[in-house]
Amino acid sequence: MNKQRTFRITTLCLLALLFCSWGFFGHKTINHNAVFTLPKGMIGFYKNNINYLTEHAVDPDKRRYIDPNEAPRHFLDADHYGNFPFDSIPQKWDDAAAKFSADTLNKYGTVPWSIQRNYYRLVQAFKNLDSIRILKYSADLGHYIADAHVPLHMTSNYNGQLTNQLGIHAFWESRLPELFAGHYNFFTGKAVYINDPLKKAWEICRQTYSSLDSVLKMEKQNRTNFRTDQQYTFIKNSNKVVRNYAEPYADSYHQLMHGMVEKQMRASIMAVGSYWFSAWVDAG
């Protein structure tokens, strides 16, 4: 294997680690627990297929490396649109494209419209009684909804590269859930009907964006309490030893955020279940 080929493969692996939103663990956990928000008329089918919904929660991330159009569906660089982006961006695609151009929207992320698009695909699958597509679109929809709950998916500073916090993306959405999710309460109550799926998607993005400053500021504050050599450790991952954030450092950061990661995971679970339920209702 030549050096150029080795470099390309290594680069792809690093990208996969950096940008697998919520990490595979987080996405699988969210889709899995969303099943238990569903009402009696739905939960039987979803529980019978819970393994599929769990394992395929990460399919959209896998598609990013074979479909060049996939990546923008996972994020929204809201800060590109000014200090008050959610007052600036029209919610409907045609209106937003007329104002900014479709190319601009695709460049800076389309996650609210990804949610809308997959929602109506799921509605149609329910209408057609197409169990294969019901499962596929349920899994995909769950992924995009969960992505919209990650603050670092709402900014061009997605990995802290603009604030000297490189690596914060995987730290927040992968390392923290993997370390602390065992202590989270994922019982969120029953799914509720969503009257306007697109409006709800934008509400999620707005709420998520409001948490972004805390994500960045608390990590910077956390650094002041630890020497550089205390911030990292080496762990075994897939038979390889890799550098990652040390547990004491992660625990301190986790506490500074006062439950934000758990809150966002719980909100994701509730939203995923509610979108699934609403699609079922809208299908008639």
Foldseek 3Di string as FASTA:
>chain_A
DDPVVVVVVVVVVVVLLQPQFLPLVLQLVLQLLLLVQEDPVPNVLCVVCSVLLNNCLRVLSVCVVVDVQSVQLLAAAQPVCDPCSLVRADLDPVVRCVVVNPVVDSVGHDNLVSLVVLLVQLLVCLLVVPSVSVSNSLSPNLNSLLSLLAQLRHHPCNQVPVPPRGRLNCLQSPVLCVVPVVPFDQCQHHADADPDSSVVSSVSNVVNNVCNVVSVVLLVVLPVVDDPVQQWDWDADPNDIDIDGDPVSSVSSCVSSPCSSSVSSNVSSRVSSNSSNNSNVSSD
